[in-house]
């Protein structure tokens, strides 16, 4: 299962960490994993292109978006990521879990 873990403070998304595998298909042909990866990489690229100071790191089986500032651009991009992940999860709860932790 893919785990998407968000840390929020009020309405501000402070971080997003995506890890794991959906195991919804053969390795290399798993469309849920491909979609989650596309969302995460797209968000990291967008934050970088728009000059956000959020930190993106890609590690073995893990994508981290950390230290997200409160500015409107970063938060709009992060909320877009959340909406995309929630849309991907619709009807696929067994493959993707989204958790929010308030700090």
PDB file of N, CA and C in Angstrom:
ATOM      1  N   UNK A   1       0.832  -1.177   0.000  1.00  0.00           N
ATOM      2  CA  UNK A   1       0.000   0.000   0.000  1.00  0.00           C
ATOM      3  C   UNK A   1       0.879   1.243   0.000  1.00  0.00           C
ATOM      4  N   UNK A   2       0.440   2.253  -0.725  1.00  0.00           N
ATOM      5  CA  UNK A   2       1.114   3.548  -0.720  1.00  0.00           C
ATOM      6  C   UNK A   2       0.601   4.333   0.480  1.00  0.00           C
ATOM      7  N   UNK A   3       1.527   4.944   1.207  1.00  0.00           N
ATOM      8  CA  UNK A   3       1.187   5.794   2.343  1.00  0.00           C
ATOM      9  C   UNK A   3       1.506   7.235   1.980  1.00  0.00           C
ATOM     10  N   UNK A   4       0.514   8.106   2.068  1.00  0.00           N
ATOM     11  CA  UNK A   4       0.732   9.540   1.896  1.00  0.00           C
ATOM     12  C   UNK A   4       0.485  10.171   3.256  1.00  0.00           C
ATOM     13  N   UNK A   5       1.516  10.761   3.827  1.00  0.00           N
ATOM     14  CA  UNK A   5       1.433  11.344   5.159  1.00  0.00           C
ATOM     15  C   UNK A   5       1.644  12.842   5.078  1.00  0.00           C
ATOM     16  N   UNK A   6       0.607  13.568   5.466  1.00  0.00           N
ATOM     17  CA  UNK A   6       0.666  15.023   5.473  1.00  0.00           C
ATOM     18  C   UNK A   6       0.777  15.520   6.899  1.00  0.00           C
ATOM     19  N   UNK A   7       1.591  16.539   7.095  1.00  0.00           N
ATOM     20  CA  UNK A   7       1.651  17.250   8.356  1.00  0.00           C
ATOM     21  C   UNK A   7       1.041  18.616   8.098  1.00  0.00           C
ATOM     22  N   UNK A   8       0.042  18.970   8.897  1.00  0.00           N
ATOM     23  CA  UNK A   8      -0.652  20.237   8.698  1.00  0.00           C
ATOM     24  C   UNK A   8      -0.640  21.050   9.989  1.00  0.00           C
ATOM     25  N   UNK A   9      -0.715  22.347   9.818  1.00  0.00           N
ATOM     26  CA  UNK A   9      -0.864  23.267  10.935  1.00  0.00           C
ATOM     27  C   UNK A   9      -2.005  24.196  10.557  1.00  0.00           C
ATOM     28  N   UNK A  10      -3.169  23.944  11.139  1.00  0.00           N
ATOM     29  CA  UNK A  10      -4.359  24.680  10.723  1.00  0.00           C
ATOM     30  C   UNK A  10      -4.685  24.312   9.287  1.00  0.00           C
ATOM     31  N   UNK A  11      -4.726  25.304   8.421  1.00  0.00           N
ATOM     32  CA  UNK A  11      -4.997  25.045   6.998  1.00  0.00           C
ATOM     33  C   UNK A  11      -3.720  24.991   6.164  1.00  0.00           C
ATOM     34  N   UNK A  12      -2.563  25.042   6.826  1.00  0.00           N
ATOM     35  CA  UNK A  12      -1.279  25.039   6.128  1.00  0.00           C
ATOM     36  C   UNK A  12      -0.697  23.627   6.076  1.00  0.00           C
ATOM     37  N   UNK A  13      -0.398  23.164   4.876  1.00  0.00           N
ATOM     38  CA  UNK A  13       0.294  21.885   4.715  1.00  0.00           C
ATOM     39  C   UNK A  13       1.783  22.147   4.896  1.00  0.00           C
ATOM     40  N   UNK A  14       2.371  21.511   5.901  1.00  0.00           N
ATOM     41  CA  UNK A  14       3.788  21.720   6.200  1.00  0.00           C
ATOM     42  C   UNK A  14       4.687  20.707   5.503  1.00  0.00           C
ATOM     43  N   UNK A  15       4.162  19.466   5.294  1.00  0.00           N
ATOM     44  CA  UNK A  15       4.973  18.453   4.624  1.00  0.00           C
ATOM     45  C   UNK A  15       4.073  17.369   4.036  1.00  0.00           C
ATOM     46  N   UNK A  16       4.638  16.656   3.068  1.00  0.00           N
ATOM     47  CA  UNK A  16       3.987  15.510   2.456  1.00  0.00           C
ATOM     48  C   UNK A  16       5.062  14.469   2.181  1.00  0.00           C
ATOM     49  N   UNK A  17       4.838  13.256   2.683  1.00  0.00           N
ATOM     50  CA  UNK A  17       5.765  12.149   2.452  1.00  0.00           C
ATOM     51  C   UNK A  17       4.956  11.017   1.834  1.00  0.00           C
ATOM     52  N   UNK A  18       5.408  10.538   0.686  1.00  0.00           N
ATOM     53  CA  UNK A  18       4.742   9.428  -0.005  1.00  0.00           C
ATOM     54  C   UNK A  18       5.732   8.269  -0.066  1.00  0.00           C
ATOM     55  N   UNK A  19       5.271   7.099   0.385  1.00  0.00           N
ATOM     56  CA  UNK A  19       6.151   5.927   0.392  1.00  0.00           C
ATOM     57  C   UNK A  19       5.333   4.664   0.156  1.00  0.00           C
ATOM     58  N   UNK A  20       6.042   3.592  -0.144  1.00  0.00           N
ATOM     59  CA  UNK A  20       5.409   2.294  -0.314  1.00  0.00           C
ATOM     60  C   UNK A  20       5.096   1.964  -1.765  1.00  0.00           C
ATOM     61  N   UNK A  21       4.443   0.822  -1.941  1.00  0.00           N
ATOM     62  CA  UNK A  21       4.017   0.365  -3.265  1.00  0.00           C
ATOM     63  C   UNK A  21       2.557  -0.033  -3.191  1.00  0.00           C
ATOM     64  N   UNK A  22       1.808   0.258  -4.225  1.00  0.00           N
ATOM     65  CA  UNK A  22       0.385  -0.079  -4.256  1.00  0.00           C
ATOM     66  C   UNK A  22       0.173  -1.579  -4.406  1.00  0.00           C
ATOM     67  N   UNK A  23       1.035  -2.225  -5.156  1.00  0.00           N
ATOM     68  CA  UNK A  23       0.901  -3.644  -5.469  1.00  0.00           C
ATOM     69  C   UNK A  23      -0.449  -3.942  -6.128  1.00  0.00           C
ATOM     70  N   UNK A  24      -0.855  -3.037  -7.015  1.00  0.00           N
ATOM     71  CA  UNK A  24      -2.113  -3.231  -7.746  1.00  0.00           C
ATOM     72  C   UNK A  24      -1.888  -3.902  -9.097  1.00  0.00           C
ATOM     73  N   UNK A  25      -0.633  -4.160  -9.415  1.00  0.00           N
ATOM     74  CA  UNK A  25      -0.282  -4.810 -10.668  1.00  0.00           C
ATOM     75  C   UNK A  25       1.151  -5.296 -10.584  1.00  0.00           C
ATOM     76  N   UNK A  26       1.607  -5.905 -11.653  1.00  0.00           N
ATOM     77  CA  UNK A  26       2.984  -6.400 -11.689  1.00  0.00           C
ATOM     78  C   UNK A  26       3.960  -5.247 -11.523  1.00  0.00           C
ATOM     79  N   UNK A  27       5.093  -5.537 -10.869  1.00  0.00           N
ATOM     80  CA  UNK A  27       6.132  -4.536 -10.692  1.00  0.00           C
ATOM     81  C   UNK A  27       6.521  -3.979 -12.066  1.00  0.00           C
ATOM     82  N   UNK A  28       6.540  -2.665 -12.173  1.00  0.00           N
ATOM     83  CA  UNK A  28       6.853  -2.009 -13.439  1.00  0.00           C
ATOM     84  C   UNK A  28       5.629  -1.723 -14.283  1.00  0.00           C
ATOM     85  N   UNK A  29       4.490  -2.307 -13.911  1.00  0.00           N
ATOM     86  CA  UNK A  29       3.241  -2.091 -14.647  1.00  0.00           C
ATOM     87  C   UNK A  29       2.113  -1.663 -13.713  1.00  0.00           C
ATOM     88  N   UNK A  30       2.460  -1.212 -12.528  1.00  0.00           N
ATOM     89  CA  UNK A  30       1.480  -0.837 -11.509  1.00  0.00           C
ATOM     90  C   UNK A  30       1.007   0.595 -11.763  1.00  0.00           C
ATOM     91  N   UNK A  31      -0.203   0.740 -12.257  1.00  0.00           N
ATOM     92  CA  UNK A  31      -0.708   2.062 -12.641  1.00  0.00           C
ATOM     93  C   UNK A  31      -0.969   2.970 -11.449  1.00  0.00           C
ATOM     94  N   UNK A  32      -1.330   2.423 -10.296  1.00  0.00           N
ATOM     95  CA  UNK A  32      -1.545   3.254  -9.110  1.00  0.00           C
ATOM     96  C   UNK A  32      -0.215   3.843  -8.649  1.00  0.00           C
ATOM     97  N   UNK A  33       0.831   3.022  -8.635  1.00  0.00           N
ATOM     98  CA  UNK A  33       2.169   3.526  -8.279  1.00  0.00           C
ATOM     99  C   UNK A  33       2.631   4.585  -9.275  1.00  0.00           C
ATOM    100  N   UNK A  34       2.397   4.323 -10.542  1.00  0.00           N
ATOM    101  CA  UNK A  34       2.805   5.282 -11.570  1.00  0.00           C
ATOM    102  C   UNK A  34       2.082   6.609 -11.394  1.00  0.00           C
ATOM    103  N   UNK A  35       0.796   6.550 -11.092  1.00  0.00           N
ATOM    104  CA  UNK A  35       0.020   7.781 -10.909  1.00  0.00           C
ATOM    105  C   UNK A  35       0.488   8.550  -9.679  1.00  0.00           C
ATOM    106  N   UNK A  36       0.710   7.849  -8.570  1.00  0.00           N
ATOM    107  CA  UNK A  36       1.174   8.517  -7.345  1.00  0.00           C
ATOM    108  C   UNK A  36       2.549   9.136  -7.561  1.00  0.00           C
ATOM    109  N   UNK A  37       3.421   8.437  -8.274  1.00  0.00           N
ATOM    110  CA  UNK A  37       4.754   8.979  -8.570  1.00  0.00           C
ATOM    111  C   UNK A  37       4.660  10.206  -9.459  1.00  0.00           C
ATOM    112  N   UNK A  38       3.795  10.155 -10.452  1.00  0.00           N
ATOM    113  CA  UNK A  38       3.619  11.303 -11.355  1.00  0.00           C
ATOM    114  C   UNK A  38       3.116  12.518 -10.586  1.00  0.00           C
ATOM    115  N   UNK A  39       2.186  12.297  -9.668  1.00  0.00           N
ATOM    116  CA  UNK A  39       1.686  13.402  -8.850  1.00  0.00           C
ATOM    117  C   UNK A  39       2.828  13.993  -8.035  1.00  0.00           C
ATOM    118  N   UNK A  40       3.581  13.152  -7.334  1.00  0.00           N
ATOM    119  CA  UNK A  40       4.648  13.634  -6.458  1.00  0.00           C
ATOM    120  C   UNK A  40       5.754  14.351  -7.230  1.00  0.00           C
ATOM    121  N   UNK A  41       6.215  13.757  -8.329  1.00  0.00           N
ATOM    122  CA  UNK A  41       7.264  14.401  -9.113  1.00  0.00           C
ATOM    123  C   UNK A  41       6.768  15.694  -9.746  1.00  0.00           C
ATOM    124  N   UNK A  42       5.528  15.703 -10.193  1.00  0.00           N
ATOM    125  CA  UNK A  42       4.950  16.928 -10.764  1.00  0.00           C
ATOM    126  C   UNK A  42       4.876  18.041  -9.744  1.00  0.00           C
ATOM    127  N   UNK A  43       4.502  17.702  -8.514  1.00  0.00           N
ATOM    128  CA  UNK A  43       4.434  18.709  -7.452  1.00  0.00           C
ATOM    129  C   UNK A  43       5.834  19.238  -7.138  1.00  0.00           C
ATOM    130  N   UNK A  44       6.812  18.339  -7.006  1.00  0.00           N
ATOM    131  CA  UNK A  44       8.190  18.787  -6.736  1.00  0.00           C
ATOM    132  C   UNK A  44       8.702  19.704  -7.845  1.00  0.00           C
ATOM    133  N   UNK A  45       8.475  19.321  -9.086  1.00  0.00           N
ATOM    134  CA  UNK A  45       8.919  20.146 -10.207  1.00  0.00           C
ATOM    135  C   UNK A  45       8.217  21.496 -10.219  1.00  0.00           C
ATOM    136  N   UNK A  46       6.918  21.494  -9.917  1.00  0.00           N
ATOM    137  CA  UNK A  46       6.165  22.749  -9.896  1.00  0.00           C
ATOM    138  C   UNK A  46       6.663  23.671  -8.798  1.00  0.00           C
ATOM    139  N   UNK A  47       6.872  23.123  -7.600  1.00  0.00           N
ATOM    140  CA  UNK A  47       7.392  23.949  -6.502  1.00  0.00           C
ATOM    141  C   UNK A  47       8.741  24.557  -6.872  1.00  0.00           C
ATOM    142  N   UNK A  48       9.603  23.761  -7.487  1.00  0.00           N
ATOM    143  CA  UNK A  48      10.915  24.248  -7.900  1.00  0.00           C
ATOM    144  C   UNK A  48      10.790  25.349  -8.952  1.00  0.00           C
ATOM    145  N   UNK A  49       9.974  25.109  -9.962  1.00  0.00           N
ATOM    146  CA  UNK A  49       9.810  26.092 -11.052  1.00  0.00           C
ATOM    147  C   UNK A  49       9.226  27.411 -10.557  1.00  0.00           C
ATOM    148  N   UNK A  50       8.353  27.333  -9.546  1.00  0.00           N
ATOM    149  CA  UNK A  50       7.702  28.542  -9.043  1.00  0.00           C
ATOM    150  C   UNK A  50       8.491  29.221  -7.927  1.00  0.00           C
ATOM    151  N   UNK A  51       9.658  28.672  -7.607  1.00  0.00           N
ATOM    152  CA  UNK A  51      10.556  29.316  -6.656  1.00  0.00           C
ATOM    153  C   UNK A  51      10.220  29.100  -5.190  1.00  0.00           C
ATOM    154  N   UNK A  52       9.462  28.059  -4.879  1.00  0.00           N
ATOM    155  CA  UNK A  52       9.150  27.772  -3.479  1.00  0.00           C
ATOM    156  C   UNK A  52      10.410  27.318  -2.751  1.00  0.00           C
ATOM    157  N   UNK A  53      10.452  27.593  -1.455  1.00  0.00           N
ATOM    158  CA  UNK A  53      11.580  27.136  -0.642  1.00  0.00           C
ATOM    159  C   UNK A  53      11.323  25.759  -0.034  1.00  0.00           C
ATOM    160  N   UNK A  54      10.197  25.128  -0.366  1.00  0.00           N
ATOM    161  CA  UNK A  54       9.929  23.768   0.102  1.00  0.00           C
ATOM    162  C   UNK A  54      11.051  22.858  -0.378  1.00  0.00           C
ATOM    163  N   UNK A  55      11.373  21.864   0.430  1.00  0.00           N
ATOM    164  CA  UNK A  55      12.470  20.953   0.112  1.00  0.00           C
ATOM    165  C   UNK A  55      11.914  19.630  -0.400  1.00  0.00           C
ATOM    166  N   UNK A  56      12.333  19.229  -1.581  1.00  0.00           N
ATOM    167  CA  UNK A  56      11.914  17.949  -2.161  1.00  0.00           C
ATOM    168  C   UNK A  56      13.105  17.002  -2.166  1.00  0.00           C
ATOM    169  N   UNK A  57      12.844  15.776  -1.744  1.00  0.00           N
ATOM    170  CA  UNK A  57      13.890  14.753  -1.734  1.00  0.00           C
ATOM    171  C   UNK A  57      13.294  13.439  -2.217  1.00  0.00           C
ATOM    172  N   UNK A  58      14.030  12.782  -3.083  1.00  0.00           N
ATOM    173  CA  UNK A  58      13.621  11.465  -3.573  1.00  0.00           C
ATOM    174  C   UNK A  58      14.616  10.461  -3.023  1.00  0.00           C
ATOM    175  N   UNK A  59      14.095   9.527  -2.258  1.00  0.00           N
ATOM    176  CA  UNK A  59      14.918   8.480  -1.667  1.00  0.00           C
ATOM    177  C   UNK A  59      14.363   7.145  -2.124  1.00  0.00           C
ATOM    178  N   UNK A  60      15.023   6.092  -1.764  1.00  0.00           N
ATOM    179  CA  UNK A  60      14.588   4.763  -2.141  1.00  0.00           C
ATOM    180  C   UNK A  60      13.145   4.545  -1.684  1.00  0.00           C
ATOM    181  N   UNK A  61      12.210   4.446  -2.631  1.00  0.00           N
ATOM    182  CA  UNK A  61      10.810   4.139  -2.337  1.00  0.00           C
ATOM    183  C   UNK A  61      10.127   5.211  -1.489  1.00  0.00           C
ATOM    184  N   UNK A  62      10.577   6.473  -1.597  1.00  0.00           N
ATOM    185  CA  UNK A  62      10.055   7.533  -0.738  1.00  0.00           C
ATOM    186  C   UNK A  62      10.271   8.887  -1.396  1.00  0.00           C
ATOM    187  N   UNK A  63       9.235   9.712  -1.401  1.00  0.00           N
ATOM    188  CA  UNK A  63       9.344  11.083  -1.892  1.00  0.00           C
ATOM    189  C   UNK A  63       8.908  12.001  -0.757  1.00  0.00           C
ATOM    190  N   UNK A  64       9.762  12.949  -0.408  1.00  0.00           N
ATOM    191  CA  UNK A  64       9.486  13.857   0.699  1.00  0.00           C
ATOM    192  C   UNK A  64       9.411  15.287   0.201  1.00  0.00           C
ATOM    193  N   UNK A  65       8.373  15.979   0.624  1.00  0.00           N
ATOM    194  CA  UNK A  65       8.243  17.416   0.388  1.00  0.00           C
ATOM    195  C   UNK A  65       8.126  18.031   1.776  1.00  0.00           C
ATOM    196  N   UNK A  66       9.188  18.717   2.196  1.00  0.00           N
ATOM    197  CA  UNK A  66       9.304  19.172   3.577  1.00  0.00           C
ATOM    198  C   UNK A  66       9.422  20.685   3.679  1.00  0.00           C
ATOM    199  N   UNK A  67       9.168  21.181   4.875  1.00  0.00           N
ATOM    200  CA  UNK A  67       9.340  22.599   5.206  1.00  0.00           C
ATOM    201  C   UNK A  67       8.597  23.524   4.241  1.00  0.00           C
ATOM    202  N   UNK A  68       7.345  23.210   3.993  1.00  0.00           N
ATOM    203  CA  UNK A  68       6.537  24.012   3.067  1.00  0.00           C
ATOM    204  C   UNK A  68       6.159  25.334   3.715  1.00  0.00           C
ATOM    205  N   UNK A  69       6.530  26.440   3.093  1.00  0.00           N
ATOM    206  CA  UNK A  69       6.166  27.742   3.659  1.00  0.00           C
ATOM    207  C   UNK A  69       4.671  28.019   3.500  1.00  0.00           C
ATOM    208  N   UNK A  70       4.213  29.053   4.188  1.00  0.00           N
ATOM    209  CA  UNK A  70       2.788  29.390   4.192  1.00  0.00           C
ATOM    210  C   UNK A  70       2.359  30.241   3.002  1.00  0.00           C
ATOM    211  N   UNK A  71       3.255  30.563   2.087  1.00  0.00           N
ATOM    212  CA  UNK A  71       2.881  31.453   0.987  1.00  0.00           C
ATOM    213  C   UNK A  71       1.804  30.825   0.104  1.00  0.00           C
ATOM    214  N   UNK A  72       1.040  31.671  -0.543  1.00  0.00           N
ATOM    215  CA  UNK A  72      -0.128  31.231  -1.318  1.00  0.00           C
ATOM    216  C   UNK A  72       0.248  30.299  -2.462  1.00  0.00           C
ATOM    217  N   UNK A  73       1.374  30.524  -3.107  1.00  0.00           N
ATOM    218  CA  UNK A  73       1.775  29.680  -4.232  1.00  0.00           C
ATOM    219  C   UNK A  73       2.066  28.263  -3.748  1.00  0.00           C
ATOM    220  N   UNK A  74       2.906  28.139  -2.724  1.00  0.00           N
ATOM    221  CA  UNK A  74       3.253  26.810  -2.215  1.00  0.00           C
ATOM    222  C   UNK A  74       2.019  26.083  -1.710  1.00  0.00           C
ATOM    223  N   UNK A  75       1.174  26.784  -0.966  1.00  0.00           N
ATOM    224  CA  UNK A  75      -0.005  26.130  -0.402  1.00  0.00           C
ATOM    225  C   UNK A  75      -1.014  25.734  -1.478  1.00  0.00           C
ATOM    226  N   UNK A  76      -1.118  26.518  -2.529  1.00  0.00           N
ATOM    227  CA  UNK A  76      -1.995  26.137  -3.643  1.00  0.00           C
ATOM    228  C   UNK A  76      -1.478  24.867  -4.305  1.00  0.00           C
ATOM    229  N   UNK A  77      -0.169  24.790  -4.519  1.00  0.00           N
ATOM    230  CA  UNK A  77       0.431  23.599  -5.124  1.00  0.00           C
ATOM    231  C   UNK A  77       0.245  22.387  -4.208  1.00  0.00           C
ATOM    232  N   UNK A  78       0.463  22.556  -2.910  1.00  0.00           N
ATOM    233  CA  UNK A  78       0.326  21.437  -1.971  1.00  0.00           C
ATOM    234  C   UNK A  78      -1.129  20.974  -1.862  1.00  0.00           C
ATOM    235  N   UNK A  79      -2.064  21.903  -1.873  1.00  0.00           N
ATOM    236  CA  UNK A  79      -3.479  21.516  -1.851  1.00  0.00           C
ATOM    237  C   UNK A  79      -3.872  20.814  -3.142  1.00  0.00           C
ATOM    238  N   UNK A  80      -3.259  21.198  -4.242  1.00  0.00           N
ATOM    239  CA  UNK A  80      -3.476  20.502  -5.508  1.00  0.00           C
ATOM    240  C   UNK A  80      -2.989  19.054  -5.388  1.00  0.00           C
ATOM    241  N   UNK A  81      -1.842  18.852  -4.763  1.00  0.00           N
ATOM    242  CA  UNK A  81      -1.320  17.494  -4.546  1.00  0.00           C
ATOM    243  C   UNK A  81      -2.305  16.669  -3.730  1.00  0.00           C
ATOM    244  N   UNK A  82      -2.835  17.256  -2.669  1.00  0.00           N
ATOM    245  CA  UNK A  82      -3.788  16.542  -1.822  1.00  0.00           C
ATOM    246  C   UNK A  82      -5.044  16.160  -2.605  1.00  0.00           C
ATOM    247  N   UNK A  83      -5.564  17.084  -3.380  1.00  0.00           N
ATOM    248  CA  UNK A  83      -6.758  16.805  -4.188  1.00  0.00           C
ATOM    249  C   UNK A  83      -6.473  15.685  -5.184  1.00  0.00           C
ATOM    250  N   UNK A  84      -5.313  15.734  -5.821  1.00  0.00           N
ATOM    251  CA  UNK A  84      -4.957  14.688  -6.784  1.00  0.00           C
ATOM    252  C   UNK A  84      -4.840  13.328  -6.112  1.00  0.00           C
ATOM    253  N   UNK A  85      -4.216  13.275  -4.949  1.00  0.00           N
ATOM    254  CA  UNK A  85      -4.079  12.003  -4.235  1.00  0.00           C
ATOM    255  C   UNK A  85      -5.440  11.488  -3.775  1.00  0.00           C
ATOM    256  N   UNK A  86      -6.291  12.387  -3.291  1.00  0.00           N
ATOM    257  CA  UNK A  86      -7.639  11.973  -2.877  1.00  0.00           C
ATOM    258  C   UNK A  86      -8.438  11.448  -4.064  1.00  0.00           C
ATOM    259  N   UNK A  87      -8.273  12.077  -5.219  1.00  0.00           N
ATOM    260  CA  UNK A  87      -8.954  11.609  -6.428  1.00  0.00           C
ATOM    261  C   UNK A  87      -8.444  10.232  -6.829  1.00  0.00           C
ATOM    262  N   UNK A  88      -7.139  10.022  -6.760  1.00  0.00           N
ATOM    263  CA  UNK A  88      -6.555   8.718  -7.077  1.00  0.00           C
ATOM    264  C   UNK A  88      -7.069   7.646  -6.127  1.00  0.00           C
ATOM    265  N   UNK A  89      -7.248   8.004  -4.872  1.00  0.00           N
ATOM    266  CA  UNK A  89      -7.688   7.045  -3.857  1.00  0.00           C
ATOM    267  C   UNK A  89      -9.152   6.624  -4.031  1.00  0.00           C
ATOM    268  N   UNK A  90      -9.974   7.467  -4.653  1.00  0.00           N
ATOM    269  CA  UNK A  90     -11.396   7.152  -4.812  1.00  0.00           C
ATOM    270  C   UNK A  90     -11.565   5.792  -5.486  1.00  0.00           C
ATOM    271  N   UNK A  91     -12.221   4.889  -4.793  1.00  0.00           N
ATOM    272  CA  UNK A  91     -12.450   3.553  -5.319  1.00  0.00           C
ATOM    273  C   UNK A  91     -11.240   2.637  -5.267  1.00  0.00           C
ATOM    274  N   UNK A  92     -10.145   3.131  -4.668  1.00  0.00           N
ATOM    275  CA  UNK A  92      -8.907   2.352  -4.605  1.00  0.00           C
ATOM    276  C   UNK A  92      -8.310   2.386  -3.202  1.00  0.00           C
ATOM    277  N   UNK A  93      -9.166   2.425  -2.183  1.00  0.00           N
ATOM    278  CA  UNK A  93      -8.706   2.553  -0.796  1.00  0.00           C
ATOM    279  C   UNK A  93      -7.713   1.478  -0.387  1.00  0.00           C
ATOM    280  N   UNK A  94      -7.774   0.313  -1.027  1.00  0.00           N
ATOM    281  CA  UNK A  94      -6.879  -0.773  -0.655  1.00  0.00           C
ATOM    282  C   UNK A  94      -5.444  -0.543  -1.144  1.00  0.00           C
ATOM    283  N   UNK A  95      -5.245   0.459  -1.989  1.00  0.00           N
ATOM    284  CA  UNK A  95      -3.921   0.713  -2.556  1.00  0.00           C
ATOM    285  C   UNK A  95      -3.256   1.993  -2.050  1.00  0.00           C
ATOM    286  N   UNK A  96      -4.058   2.925  -1.506  1.00  0.00           N
ATOM    287  CA  UNK A  96      -3.525   4.237  -1.125  1.00  0.00           C
ATOM    288  C   UNK A  96      -4.187   4.703   0.159  1.00  0.00           C
ATOM    289  N   UNK A  97      -3.359   5.031   1.145  1.00  0.00           N
ATOM    290  CA  UNK A  97      -3.842   5.551   2.422  1.00  0.00           C
ATOM    291  C   UNK A  97      -3.309   6.965   2.583  1.00  0.00           C
ATOM    292  N   UNK A  98      -4.175   7.889   2.959  1.00  0.00           N
ATOM    293  CA  UNK A  98      -3.781   9.281   3.185  1.00  0.00           C
ATOM    294  C   UNK A  98      -4.035   9.598   4.658  1.00  0.00           C
ATOM    295  N   UNK A  99      -3.002  10.046   5.340  1.00  0.00           N
ATOM    296  CA  UNK A  99      -3.113  10.393   6.760  1.00  0.00           C
ATOM    297  C   UNK A  99      -2.670  11.822   6.969  1.00  0.00           C
ATOM    298  N   UNK A 100      -3.400  12.535   7.806  1.00  0.00           N
ATOM    299  CA  UNK A 100      -3.047  13.910   8.180  1.00  0.00           C
ATOM    300  C   UNK A 100      -2.752  13.960   9.661  1.00  0.00           C
ATOM    301  N   UNK A 101      -1.657  14.622   9.998  1.00  0.00           N
ATOM    302  CA  UNK A 101      -1.282  14.818  11.389  1.00  0.00           C
ATOM    303  C   UNK A 101      -1.225  16.316  11.645  1.00  0.00           C
ATOM    304  N   UNK A 102      -1.945  16.765  12.649  1.00  0.00           N
ATOM    305  CA  UNK A 102      -1.955  18.184  13.035  1.00  0.00           C
ATOM    306  C   UNK A 102      -0.773  18.449  13.967  1.00  0.00           C
ATOM    307  N   UNK A 103      -0.028  19.513  13.671  1.00  0.00           N
ATOM    308  CA  UNK A 103       1.098  19.899  14.548  1.00  0.00           C
ATOM    309  C   UNK A 103       0.864  21.290  15.092  1.00  0.00           C
TER     310      UNK A 103
END
